Structures are given as C-alpha cells and as structure tokens.
Amino acid sequence: MVGGIVPSLTPGGPSQPIDYAITNPGSSPVHVGAVTTSVSSLSHTGNNAGLEACSATMYPIVQATPIDANVAPGTTVYDPSGGSISMTDDGNNQDNCENATVNLSFSAS
C-alpha cells in the first residue's frame, strides 16, 4: 500500500512493508539516489504514568532499497520498496503504544 495506514504493529510481531511514491512535478527526469524513512512523530499514545512511555525508538525501520535512477515526471510508485517497520518487544508493558499512530517522514537524496 502506498500512502495510508499499514496493518497493526505488535511488540515482537511481524514487520510491515513501507512502500511509497515519488512525485516529480517537473518536466524532465530527476535523479534520486535513495529514500530515507524515519518516524517523525507518534500520536494517539496512552498516558498511563505507571507504564513505559511509547517512543519512536520502539519502531525500528529497515530502509528501502536504494533507487539510484532517474525518476520520470509524474508519480512513480515503489511497491515493494524493500523498506519495512516493526515494533520491538522490550519486555515491559507497552500498553501506552496501543492504538498509537506512527507518522513517517521521507527524504530523498
């Protein structure tokens, strides 16, 4: 899926793919070496002070396969991208992450 919501992540559960699209608004191809994905923020996290806080470090990302190509004008979808996200199981009660939204950001180089 490109843009949208990935299936639920659970502590120690399977990773989920991160696919994306690149939109080149210009009229000629643009070279892209790689796209880097990071967790930009978390929202809808719990606030139970007796439990571990939900943090971005709980969501490791495997970066996508480098593109290293010219991207044509318009939108090009990278599905599969080779990137993925998972949720670590650190052995603590991670209920503050239940129903959290993990917001991702992308940068191209």
PDB file of N, CA and C in Angstrom:
ATOM      1  N   MET A   1       0.846  -1.166   0.000  1.00  0.00           N
ATOM      2  CA  MET A   1       0.000   0.000   0.000  1.00  0.00           C
ATOM      3  C   MET A   1       0.896   1.234   0.000  1.00  0.00           C
ATOM      4  N   VAL A   2       0.525   2.202  -0.748  1.00  0.00           N
ATOM      5  CA  VAL A   2       1.293   3.447  -0.814  1.00  0.00           C
ATOM      6  C   VAL A   2       0.454   4.559  -0.226  1.00  0.00           C
ATOM      7  N   GLY A   3       0.981   5.186   0.825  1.00  0.00           N
ATOM      8  CA  GLY A   3       0.257   6.258   1.482  1.00  0.00           C
ATOM      9  C   GLY A   3      -0.980   5.716   2.161  1.00  0.00           C
ATOM     10  N   GLY A   4      -1.020   5.820   3.431  1.00  0.00           N
ATOM     11  CA  GLY A   4      -2.179   5.313   4.141  1.00  0.00           C
ATOM     12  C   GLY A   4      -1.766   4.633   5.422  1.00  0.00           C
ATOM     13  N   ILE A   5      -2.562   3.689   5.817  1.00  0.00           N
ATOM     14  CA  ILE A   5      -2.367   3.035   7.100  1.00  0.00           C
ATOM     15  C   ILE A   5      -1.882   1.601   6.878  1.00  0.00           C
ATOM     16  N   VAL A   6      -0.796   1.241   7.548  1.00  0.00           N
ATOM     17  CA  VAL A   6      -0.323  -0.141   7.489  1.00  0.00           C
ATOM     18  C   VAL A   6      -1.040  -0.936   8.575  1.00  0.00           C
ATOM     19  N   PRO A   7      -1.094  -2.245   8.417  1.00  0.00           N
ATOM     20  CA  PRO A   7      -1.723  -3.062   9.457  1.00  0.00           C
ATOM     21  C   PRO A   7      -1.062  -2.847  10.816  1.00  0.00           C
ATOM     22  N   SER A   8      -1.761  -3.211  11.863  1.00  0.00           N
ATOM     23  CA  SER A   8      -1.277  -3.010  13.230  1.00  0.00           C
ATOM     24  C   SER A   8       0.086  -3.643  13.453  1.00  0.00           C
ATOM     25  N   LEU A   9       0.891  -2.927  14.226  1.00  0.00           N
ATOM     26  CA  LEU A   9       2.176  -3.448  14.657  1.00  0.00           C
ATOM     27  C   LEU A   9       2.016  -3.918  16.094  1.00  0.00           C
ATOM     28  N   THR A  10       2.594  -5.049  16.420  1.00  0.00           N
ATOM     29  CA  THR A  10       2.528  -5.580  17.775  1.00  0.00           C
ATOM     30  C   THR A  10       3.938  -5.844  18.272  1.00  0.00           C
ATOM     31  N   PRO A  11       4.168  -5.725  19.584  1.00  0.00           N
ATOM     32  CA  PRO A  11       5.520  -5.963  20.113  1.00  0.00           C
ATOM     33  C   PRO A  11       6.049  -7.332  19.699  1.00  0.00           C
ATOM     34  N   GLY A  12       7.173  -7.330  19.012  1.00  0.00           N
ATOM     35  CA  GLY A  12       7.802  -8.568  18.566  1.00  0.00           C
ATOM     36  C   GLY A  12       7.109  -9.222  17.392  1.00  0.00           C
ATOM     37  N   GLY A  13       6.063  -8.590  16.872  1.00  0.00           N
ATOM     38  CA  GLY A  13       5.299  -9.150  15.757  1.00  0.00           C
ATOM     39  C   GLY A  13       6.001  -8.953  14.423  1.00  0.00           C
ATOM     40  N   PRO A  14       5.349  -9.387  13.365  1.00  0.00           N
ATOM     41  CA  PRO A  14       5.974  -9.285  12.035  1.00  0.00           C
ATOM     42  C   PRO A  14       6.115  -7.839  11.581  1.00  0.00           C
ATOM     43  N   SER A  15       7.138  -7.600  10.780  1.00  0.00           N
ATOM     44  CA  SER A  15       7.327  -6.266  10.209  1.00  0.00           C
ATOM     45  C   SER A  15       6.298  -6.060   9.099  1.00  0.00           C
ATOM     46  N   GLN A  16       6.058  -4.804   8.794  1.00  0.00           N
ATOM     47  CA  GLN A  16       5.125  -4.435   7.738  1.00  0.00           C
ATOM     48  C   GLN A  16       5.874  -3.622   6.690  1.00  0.00           C
ATOM     49  N   PRO A  17       5.554  -3.831   5.412  1.00  0.00           N
ATOM     50  CA  PRO A  17       6.267  -3.097   4.356  1.00  0.00           C
ATOM     51  C   PRO A  17       5.951  -1.606   4.384  1.00  0.00           C
ATOM     52  N   ILE A  18       6.941  -0.827   3.995  1.00  0.00           N
ATOM     53  CA  ILE A  18       6.762   0.608   3.793  1.00  0.00           C
ATOM     54  C   ILE A  18       6.988   0.870   2.313  1.00  0.00           C
ATOM     55  N   ASP A  19       5.930   1.114   1.604  1.00  0.00           N
ATOM     56  CA  ASP A  19       6.025   1.439   0.191  1.00  0.00           C
ATOM     57  C   ASP A  19       5.700   2.915   0.033  1.00  0.00           C
ATOM     58  N   TYR A  20       6.121   3.511  -1.058  1.00  0.00           N
ATOM     59  CA  TYR A  20       5.924   4.947  -1.238  1.00  0.00           C
ATOM     60  C   TYR A  20       5.866   5.281  -2.714  1.00  0.00           C
ATOM     61  N   ALA A  21       5.509   6.519  -2.992  1.00  0.00           N
ATOM     62  CA  ALA A  21       5.500   7.044  -4.354  1.00  0.00           C
ATOM     63  C   ALA A  21       6.306   8.333  -4.368  1.00  0.00           C
ATOM     64  N   ILE A  22       6.982   8.569  -5.456  1.00  0.00           N
ATOM     65  CA  ILE A  22       7.717   9.816  -5.652  1.00  0.00           C
ATOM     66  C   ILE A  22       7.013  10.588  -6.763  1.00  0.00           C
ATOM     67  N   THR A  23       6.676  11.836  -6.472  1.00  0.00           N
ATOM     68  CA  THR A  23       6.065  12.695  -7.481  1.00  0.00           C
ATOM     69  C   THR A  23       7.085  13.717  -7.941  1.00  0.00           C
ATOM     70  N   ASN A  24       7.395  13.666  -9.214  1.00  0.00           N
ATOM     71  CA  ASN A  24       8.289  14.637  -9.839  1.00  0.00           C
ATOM     72  C   ASN A  24       7.410  15.635 -10.581  1.00  0.00           C
ATOM     73  N   PRO A  25       7.261  16.854 -10.049  1.00  0.00           N
ATOM     74  CA  PRO A  25       6.369  17.826 -10.681  1.00  0.00           C
ATOM     75  C   PRO A  25       6.981  18.518 -11.902  1.00  0.00           C
ATOM     76  N   GLY A  26       8.246  18.251 -12.142  1.00  0.00           N
ATOM     77  CA  GLY A  26       8.933  18.906 -13.260  1.00  0.00           C
ATOM     78  C   GLY A  26       8.600  18.287 -14.603  1.00  0.00           C
ATOM     79  N   SER A  27       9.269  18.787 -15.635  1.00  0.00           N
ATOM     80  CA  SER A  27       9.032  18.290 -16.990  1.00  0.00           C
ATOM     81  C   SER A  27      10.167  17.402 -17.493  1.00  0.00           C
ATOM     82  N   SER A  28      11.192  17.202 -16.657  1.00  0.00           N
ATOM     83  CA  SER A  28      12.292  16.321 -17.043  1.00  0.00           C
ATOM     84  C   SER A  28      12.637  15.404 -15.871  1.00  0.00           C
ATOM     85  N   PRO A  29      13.287  14.289 -16.154  1.00  0.00           N
ATOM     86  CA  PRO A  29      13.638  13.341 -15.080  1.00  0.00           C
ATOM     87  C   PRO A  29      14.549  13.975 -14.030  1.00  0.00           C
ATOM     88  N   VAL A  30      14.439  13.471 -12.796  1.00  0.00           N
ATOM     89  CA  VAL A  30      15.256  13.925 -11.669  1.00  0.00           C
ATOM     90  C   VAL A  30      15.926  12.700 -11.060  1.00  0.00           C
ATOM     91  N   HIS A  31      17.237  12.807 -10.804  1.00  0.00           N
ATOM     92  CA  HIS A  31      17.951  11.669 -10.225  1.00  0.00           C
ATOM     93  C   HIS A  31      17.660  11.555  -8.731  1.00  0.00           C
ATOM     94  N   VAL A  32      17.336  10.340  -8.302  1.00  0.00           N
ATOM     95  CA  VAL A  32      17.137  10.042  -6.886  1.00  0.00           C
ATOM     96  C   VAL A  32      18.050   8.878  -6.549  1.00  0.00           C
ATOM     97  N   GLY A  33      18.876   9.079  -5.527  1.00  0.00           N
ATOM     98  CA  GLY A  33      19.777   8.011  -5.103  1.00  0.00           C
ATOM     99  C   GLY A  33      19.097   7.059  -4.144  1.00  0.00           C
ATOM    100  N   ALA A  34      18.493   7.608  -3.096  1.00  0.00           N
ATOM    101  CA  ALA A  34      17.847   6.777  -2.080  1.00  0.00           C
ATOM    102  C   ALA A  34      16.760   7.580  -1.387  1.00  0.00           C
ATOM    103  N   VAL A  35      15.831   6.872  -0.804  1.00  0.00           N
ATOM    104  CA  VAL A  35      14.785   7.477   0.013  1.00  0.00           C
ATOM    105  C   VAL A  35      14.982   6.960   1.433  1.00  0.00           C
ATOM    106  N   THR A  36      15.069   7.880   2.377  1.00  0.00           N
ATOM    107  CA  THR A  36      15.247   7.526   3.782  1.00  0.00           C
ATOM    108  C   THR A  36      13.936   7.761   4.516  1.00  0.00           C
ATOM    109  N   THR A  37      13.532   6.788   5.308  1.00  0.00           N
ATOM    110  CA  THR A  37      12.292   6.867   6.077  1.00  0.00           C
ATOM    111  C   THR A  37      12.636   6.974   7.555  1.00  0.00           C
ATOM    112  N   SER A  38      11.887   7.806   8.274  1.00  0.00           N
ATOM    113  CA  SER A  38      12.075   7.918   9.720  1.00  0.00           C
ATOM    114  C   SER A  38      10.720   8.124  10.390  1.00  0.00           C
ATOM    115  N   VAL A  39      10.685   7.841  11.685  1.00  0.00           N
ATOM    116  CA  VAL A  39       9.486   8.115  12.469  1.00  0.00           C
ATOM    117  C   VAL A  39       9.531   9.598  12.824  1.00  0.00           C
ATOM    118  N   SER A  40       8.556  10.354  12.319  1.00  0.00           N
ATOM    119  CA  SER A  40       8.555  11.795  12.577  1.00  0.00           C
ATOM    120  C   SER A  40       7.824  12.138  13.871  1.00  0.00           C
ATOM    121  N   SER A  41       6.812  11.354  14.224  1.00  0.00           N
ATOM    122  CA  SER A  41       6.080  11.603  15.464  1.00  0.00           C
ATOM    123  C   SER A  41       5.161  10.431  15.769  1.00  0.00           C
ATOM    124  N   LEU A  42       4.664  10.432  16.987  1.00  0.00           N
ATOM    125  CA  LEU A  42       3.660   9.458  17.415  1.00  0.00           C
ATOM    126  C   LEU A  42       2.450  10.239  17.899  1.00  0.00           C
ATOM    127  N   SER A  43       1.275   9.755  17.591  1.00  0.00           N
ATOM    128  CA  SER A  43       0.060  10.383  18.110  1.00  0.00           C
ATOM    129  C   SER A  43      -0.881   9.299  18.616  1.00  0.00           C
ATOM    130  N   HIS A  44      -1.836   9.703  19.396  1.00  0.00           N
ATOM    131  CA  HIS A  44      -2.826   8.794  19.991  1.00  0.00           C
ATOM    132  C   HIS A  44      -2.180   7.760  20.905  1.00  0.00           C
ATOM    133  N   THR A  45      -1.116   8.151  21.579  1.00  0.00           N
ATOM    134  CA  THR A  45      -0.469   7.250  22.534  1.00  0.00           C
ATOM    135  C   THR A  45      -1.160   7.361  23.887  1.00  0.00           C
ATOM    136  N   GLY A  46      -1.014   6.312  24.690  1.00  0.00           N
ATOM    137  CA  GLY A  46      -1.581   6.332  26.027  1.00  0.00           C
ATOM    138  C   GLY A  46      -0.769   7.224  26.945  1.00  0.00           C
ATOM    139  N   ASN A  47      -1.351   7.574  28.077  1.00  0.00           N
ATOM    140  CA  ASN A  47      -0.642   8.442  29.020  1.00  0.00           C
ATOM    141  C   ASN A  47      -0.674   7.875  30.437  1.00  0.00           C
ATOM    142  N   ASN A  48      -0.659   6.556  30.537  1.00  0.00           N
ATOM    143  CA  ASN A  48      -0.635   5.917  31.848  1.00  0.00           C
ATOM    144  C   ASN A  48       0.764   6.090  32.436  1.00  0.00           C
ATOM    145  N   ALA A  49       0.879   6.932  33.449  1.00  0.00           N
ATOM    146  CA  ALA A  49       2.181   7.247  34.048  1.00  0.00           C
ATOM    147  C   ALA A  49       2.850   6.033  34.675  1.00  0.00           C
ATOM    148  N   GLY A  50       2.085   4.998  34.981  1.00  0.00           N
ATOM    149  CA  GLY A  50       2.655   3.795  35.572  1.00  0.00           C
ATOM    150  C   GLY A  50       3.276   2.853  34.562  1.00  0.00           C
ATOM    151  N   LEU A  51       3.141   3.181  33.275  1.00  0.00           N
ATOM    152  CA  LEU A  51       3.677   2.334  32.215  1.00  0.00           C
ATOM    153  C   LEU A  51       4.753   3.080  31.427  1.00  0.00           C
ATOM    154  N   GLU A  52       5.581   2.318  30.749  1.00  0.00           N
ATOM    155  CA  GLU A  52       6.613   2.873  29.874  1.00  0.00           C
ATOM    156  C   GLU A  52       5.961   3.756  28.806  1.00  0.00           C
ATOM    157  N   ALA A  53       6.554   4.909  28.555  1.00  0.00           N
ATOM    158  CA  ALA A  53       6.053   5.805  27.508  1.00  0.00           C
ATOM    159  C   ALA A  53       6.312   5.193  26.139  1.00  0.00           C
ATOM    160  N   CYS A  54       5.408   5.422  25.230  1.00  0.00           N
ATOM    161  CA  CYS A  54       5.576   4.968  23.856  1.00  0.00           C
ATOM    162  C   CYS A  54       6.551   5.921  23.169  1.00  0.00           C
ATOM    163  N   SER A  55       7.557   5.375  22.492  1.00  0.00           N
ATOM    164  CA  SER A  55       8.553   6.240  21.852  1.00  0.00           C
ATOM    165  C   SER A  55       8.902   5.737  20.453  1.00  0.00           C
ATOM    166  N   ALA A  56       9.437   6.635  19.654  1.00  0.00           N
ATOM    167  CA  ALA A  56       9.813   6.311  18.278  1.00  0.00           C
ATOM    168  C   ALA A  56      10.853   5.200  18.210  1.00  0.00           C
ATOM    169  N   THR A  57      11.679   5.073  19.242  1.00  0.00           N
ATOM    170  CA  THR A  57      12.721   4.039  19.229  1.00  0.00           C
ATOM    171  C   THR A  57      12.137   2.633  19.281  1.00  0.00           C
ATOM    172  N   MET A  58      10.862   2.515  19.634  1.00  0.00           N
ATOM    173  CA  MET A  58      10.202   1.204  19.660  1.00  0.00           C
ATOM    174  C   MET A  58       9.830   0.726  18.260  1.00  0.00           C
ATOM    175  N   TYR A  59      10.021   1.573  17.261  1.00  0.00           N
ATOM    176  CA  TYR A  59       9.605   1.265  15.894  1.00  0.00           C
ATOM    177  C   TYR A  59      10.803   1.318  14.939  1.00  0.00           C
ATOM    178  N   PRO A  60      11.637   0.280  14.935  1.00  0.00           N
ATOM    179  CA  PRO A  60      12.794   0.293  14.030  1.00  0.00           C
ATOM    180  C   PRO A  60      12.359   0.166  12.564  1.00  0.00           C
ATOM    181  N   ILE A  61      13.119   0.826  11.722  1.00  0.00           N
ATOM    182  CA  ILE A  61      12.837   0.841  10.288  1.00  0.00           C
ATOM    183  C   ILE A  61      14.001   0.228   9.526  1.00  0.00           C
ATOM    184  N   VAL A  62      13.677  -0.666   8.602  1.00  0.00           N
ATOM    185  CA  VAL A  62      14.648  -1.161   7.634  1.00  0.00           C
ATOM    186  C   VAL A  62      14.470  -0.275   6.410  1.00  0.00           C
ATOM    187  N   GLN A  63      15.543   0.382   6.012  1.00  0.00           N
ATOM    188  CA  GLN A  63      15.452   1.337   4.903  1.00  0.00           C
ATOM    189  C   GLN A  63      15.197   0.631   3.572  1.00  0.00           C
ATOM    190  N   ALA A  64      14.544   1.345   2.678  1.00  0.00           N
ATOM    191  CA  ALA A  64      14.218   0.831   1.353  1.00  0.00           C
ATOM    192  C   ALA A  64      15.479   0.605   0.529  1.00  0.00           C
ATOM    193  N   THR A  65      15.335  -0.218  -0.472  1.00  0.00           N
ATOM    194  CA  THR A  65      16.414  -0.456  -1.425  1.00  0.00           C
ATOM    195  C   THR A  65      16.726   0.853  -2.153  1.00  0.00           C
ATOM    196  N   PRO A  66      18.013   1.241  -2.272  1.00  0.00           N
ATOM    197  CA  PRO A  66      18.338   2.476  -2.992  1.00  0.00           C
ATOM    198  C   PRO A  66      17.781   2.453  -4.418  1.00  0.00           C
ATOM    199  N   ILE A  67      17.321   3.593  -4.873  1.00  0.00           N
ATOM    200  CA  ILE A  67      16.748   3.708  -6.215  1.00  0.00           C
ATOM    201  C   ILE A  67      17.861   3.907  -7.233  1.00  0.00           C
ATOM    202  N   ASP A  68      18.700   4.920  -7.019  1.00  0.00           N
ATOM    203  CA  ASP A  68      19.814   5.279  -7.893  1.00  0.00           C
ATOM    204  C   ASP A  68      19.406   5.273  -9.365  1.00  0.00           C
ATOM    205  N   ALA A  69      18.379   6.070  -9.669  1.00  0.00           N
ATOM    206  CA  ALA A  69      17.871   6.147 -11.040  1.00  0.00           C
ATOM    207  C   ALA A  69      17.223   7.499 -11.261  1.00  0.00           C
ATOM    208  N   ASN A  70      16.956   7.790 -12.516  1.00  0.00           N
ATOM    209  CA  ASN A  70      16.227   8.997 -12.861  1.00  0.00           C
ATOM    210  C   ASN A  70      14.739   8.713 -12.748  1.00  0.00           C
ATOM    211  N   VAL A  71      14.035   9.585 -12.036  1.00  0.00           N
ATOM    212  CA  VAL A  71      12.594   9.434 -11.850  1.00  0.00           C
ATOM    213  C   VAL A  71      11.899  10.351 -12.849  1.00  0.00           C
ATOM    214  N   ALA A  72      11.051   9.755 -13.657  1.00  0.00           N
ATOM    215  CA  ALA A  72      10.343  10.483 -14.708  1.00  0.00           C
ATOM    216  C   ALA A  72       9.347  11.483 -14.113  1.00  0.00           C
ATOM    217  N   PRO A  73       8.957  12.483 -14.900  1.00  0.00           N
ATOM    218  CA  PRO A  73       7.911  13.398 -14.448  1.00  0.00           C
ATOM    219  C   PRO A  73       6.630  12.609 -14.120  1.00  0.00           C
ATOM    220  N   GLY A  74       5.876  13.120 -13.151  1.00  0.00           N
ATOM    221  CA  GLY A  74       4.664  12.422 -12.726  1.00  0.00           C
ATOM    222  C   GLY A  74       4.939  11.647 -11.447  1.00  0.00           C
ATOM    223  N   THR A  75       4.112  10.670 -11.184  1.00  0.00           N
ATOM    224  CA  THR A  75       4.227   9.885  -9.954  1.00  0.00           C
ATOM    225  C   THR A  75       4.685   8.476 -10.276  1.00  0.00           C
ATOM    226  N   THR A  76       5.730   8.043  -9.574  1.00  0.00           N
ATOM    227  CA  THR A  76       6.267   6.697  -9.715  1.00  0.00           C
ATOM    228  C   THR A  76       6.102   5.987  -8.388  1.00  0.00           C
ATOM    229  N   VAL A  77       5.466   4.824  -8.424  1.00  0.00           N
ATOM    230  CA  VAL A  77       5.209   4.048  -7.212  1.00  0.00           C
ATOM    231  C   VAL A  77       6.325   3.034  -7.001  1.00  0.00           C
ATOM    232  N   TYR A  78       6.799   2.936  -5.766  1.00  0.00           N
ATOM    233  CA  TYR A  78       7.810   1.952  -5.396  1.00  0.00           C
ATOM    234  C   TYR A  78       7.156   0.959  -4.437  1.00  0.00           C
ATOM    235  N   ASP A  79       6.629  -0.112  -5.009  1.00  0.00           N
ATOM    236  CA  ASP A  79       5.893  -1.125  -4.272  1.00  0.00           C
ATOM    237  C   ASP A  79       6.224  -2.477  -4.889  1.00  0.00           C
ATOM    238  N   PRO A  80       7.085  -3.257  -4.310  1.00  0.00           N
ATOM    239  CA  PRO A  80       7.653  -3.086  -2.976  1.00  0.00           C
ATOM    240  C   PRO A  80       8.893  -2.195  -3.008  1.00  0.00           C
ATOM    241  N   SER A  81       9.117  -1.513  -1.913  1.00  0.00           N
ATOM    242  CA  SER A  81      10.276  -0.622  -1.812  1.00  0.00           C
ATOM    243  C   SER A  81      11.467  -1.330  -1.176  1.00  0.00           C
ATOM    244  N   GLY A  82      11.196  -2.412  -0.466  1.00  0.00           N
ATOM    245  CA  GLY A  82      12.242  -3.097   0.277  1.00  0.00           C
ATOM    246  C   GLY A  82      12.349  -2.607   1.711  1.00  0.00           C
ATOM    247  N   GLY A  83      11.624  -1.531   2.054  1.00  0.00           N
ATOM    248  CA  GLY A  83      11.643  -0.992   3.414  1.00  0.00           C
ATOM    249  C   GLY A  83      10.556  -1.621   4.268  1.00  0.00           C
ATOM    250  N   SER A  84      10.768  -1.583   5.581  1.00  0.00           N
ATOM    251  CA  SER A  84       9.753  -2.117   6.487  1.00  0.00           C
ATOM    252  C   SER A  84       9.878  -1.473   7.866  1.00  0.00           C
ATOM    253  N   ILE A  85       8.812  -1.643   8.659  1.00  0.00           N
ATOM    254  CA  ILE A  85       8.771  -1.145  10.026  1.00  0.00           C
ATOM    255  C   ILE A  85       8.254  -2.255  10.920  1.00  0.00           C
ATOM    256  N   SER A  86       8.741  -2.281  12.145  1.00  0.00           N
ATOM    257  CA  SER A  86       8.276  -3.268  13.121  1.00  0.00           C
ATOM    258  C   SER A  86       8.190  -2.587  14.480  1.00  0.00           C
ATOM    259  N   MET A  87       7.748  -3.340  15.467  1.00  0.00           N
ATOM    260  CA  MET A  87       7.685  -2.832  16.843  1.00  0.00           C
ATOM    261  C   MET A  87       8.468  -3.786  17.716  1.00  0.00           C
ATOM    262  N   THR A  88       9.410  -3.258  18.471  1.00  0.00           N
ATOM    263  CA  THR A  88      10.225  -4.100  19.338  1.00  0.00           C
ATOM    264  C   THR A  88       9.419  -4.553  20.557  1.00  0.00           C
ATOM    265  N   ASP A  89       9.803  -5.678  21.090  1.00  0.00           N
ATOM    266  CA  ASP A  89       9.246  -6.155  22.364  1.00  0.00           C
ATOM    267  C   ASP A  89      10.370  -6.031  23.370  1.00  0.00           C
ATOM    268  N   ASP A  90      10.290  -5.007  24.220  1.00  0.00           N
ATOM    269  CA  ASP A  90      11.371  -4.761  25.170  1.00  0.00           C
ATOM    270  C   ASP A  90      11.141  -5.430  26.524  1.00  0.00           C
ATOM    271  N   GLY A  91      10.091  -6.258  26.624  1.00  0.00           N
ATOM    272  CA  GLY A  91       9.836  -6.977  27.860  1.00  0.00           C
ATOM    273  C   GLY A  91       9.041  -6.192  28.887  1.00  0.00           C
ATOM    274  N   ASN A  92       8.782  -4.924  28.614  1.00  0.00           N
ATOM    275  CA  ASN A  92       7.987  -4.091  29.519  1.00  0.00           C
ATOM    276  C   ASN A  92       6.540  -4.038  29.017  1.00  0.00           C
ATOM    277  N   ASN A  93       5.650  -3.534  29.854  1.00  0.00           N
ATOM    278  CA  ASN A  93       4.269  -3.326  29.441  1.00  0.00           C
ATOM    279  C   ASN A  93       4.238  -2.129  28.488  1.00  0.00           C
ATOM    280  N   GLN A  94       3.911  -2.381  27.233  1.00  0.00           N
ATOM    281  CA  GLN A  94       3.919  -1.341  26.203  1.00  0.00           C
ATOM    282  C   GLN A  94       2.500  -0.901  25.832  1.00  0.00           C
ATOM    283  N   ASP A  95       1.572  -1.000  26.788  1.00  0.00           N
ATOM    284  CA  ASP A  95       0.181  -0.649  26.502  1.00  0.00           C
ATOM    285  C   ASP A  95      -0.007   0.821  26.144  1.00  0.00           C
ATOM    286  N   ASN A  96       0.933   1.696  26.489  1.00  0.00           N
ATOM    287  CA  ASN A  96       0.812   3.094  26.082  1.00  0.00           C
ATOM    288  C   ASN A  96       0.963   3.257  24.565  1.00  0.00           C
ATOM    289  N   CYS A  97       1.404   2.211  23.891  1.00  0.00           N
ATOM    290  CA  CYS A  97       1.515   2.253  22.432  1.00  0.00           C
ATOM    291  C   CYS A  97       0.271   1.683  21.744  1.00  0.00           C
ATOM    292  N   GLU A  98      -0.639   1.113  22.527  1.00  0.00           N
ATOM    293  CA  GLU A  98      -1.845   0.544  21.934  1.00  0.00           C
ATOM    294  C   GLU A  98      -2.641   1.646  21.238  1.00  0.00           C
ATOM    295  N   ASN A  99      -2.996   1.406  19.992  1.00  0.00           N
ATOM    296  CA  ASN A  99      -3.746   2.351  19.144  1.00  0.00           C
ATOM    297  C   ASN A  99      -2.956   3.597  18.757  1.00  0.00           C
ATOM    298  N   ALA A 100      -1.658   3.578  18.964  1.00  0.00           N
ATOM    299  CA  ALA A 100      -0.835   4.723  18.564  1.00  0.00           C
ATOM    300  C   ALA A 100      -0.780   4.832  17.043  1.00  0.00           C
ATOM    301  N   THR A 101      -0.626   6.049  16.574  1.00  0.00           N
ATOM    302  CA  THR A 101      -0.388   6.291  15.157  1.00  0.00           C
ATOM    303  C   THR A 101       1.077   6.655  15.004  1.00  0.00           C
ATOM    304  N   VAL A 102       1.781   5.918  14.155  1.00  0.00           N
ATOM    305  CA  VAL A 102       3.201   6.169  13.893  1.00  0.00           C
ATOM    306  C   VAL A 102       3.277   6.949  12.584  1.00  0.00           C
ATOM    307  N   ASN A 103       3.663   8.208  12.681  1.00  0.00           N
ATOM    308  CA  ASN A 103       3.761   9.075  11.494  1.00  0.00           C
ATOM    309  C   ASN A 103       5.168   9.009  10.931  1.00  0.00           C
ATOM    310  N   LEU A 104       5.266   8.759   9.639  1.00  0.00           N
ATOM    311  CA  LEU A 104       6.559   8.613   8.975  1.00  0.00           C
ATOM    312  C   LEU A 104       6.875   9.835   8.134  1.00  0.00           C
ATOM    313  N   SER A 105       8.150  10.100   7.976  1.00  0.00           N
ATOM    314  CA  SER A 105       8.589  11.136   7.032  1.00  0.00           C
ATOM    315  C   SER A 105       9.596  10.504   6.071  1.00  0.00           C
ATOM    316  N   PHE A 106       9.681  11.079   4.907  1.00  0.00           N
ATOM    317  CA  PHE A 106      10.543  10.564   3.850  1.00  0.00           C
ATOM    318  C   PHE A 106      11.422  11.682   3.323  1.00  0.00           C
ATOM    319  N   SER A 107      12.668  11.346   3.017  1.00  0.00           N
ATOM    320  CA  SER A 107      13.559  12.318   2.375  1.00  0.00           C
ATOM    321  C   SER A 107      14.326  11.607   1.273  1.00  0.00           C
ATOM    322  N   ALA A 108      14.554  12.305   0.195  1.00  0.00           N
ATOM    323  CA  ALA A 108      15.262  11.733  -0.949  1.00  0.00           C
ATOM    324  C   ALA A 108      16.609  12.409  -1.106  1.00  0.00           C
ATOM    325  N   SER A 109      17.576  11.641  -1.559  1.00  0.00           N
ATOM    326  CA  SER A 109      18.890  12.199  -1.820  1.00  0.00           C
ATOM    327  C   SER A 109      19.375  11.775  -3.190  1.00  0.00           C
TER     328      SER A 109
END
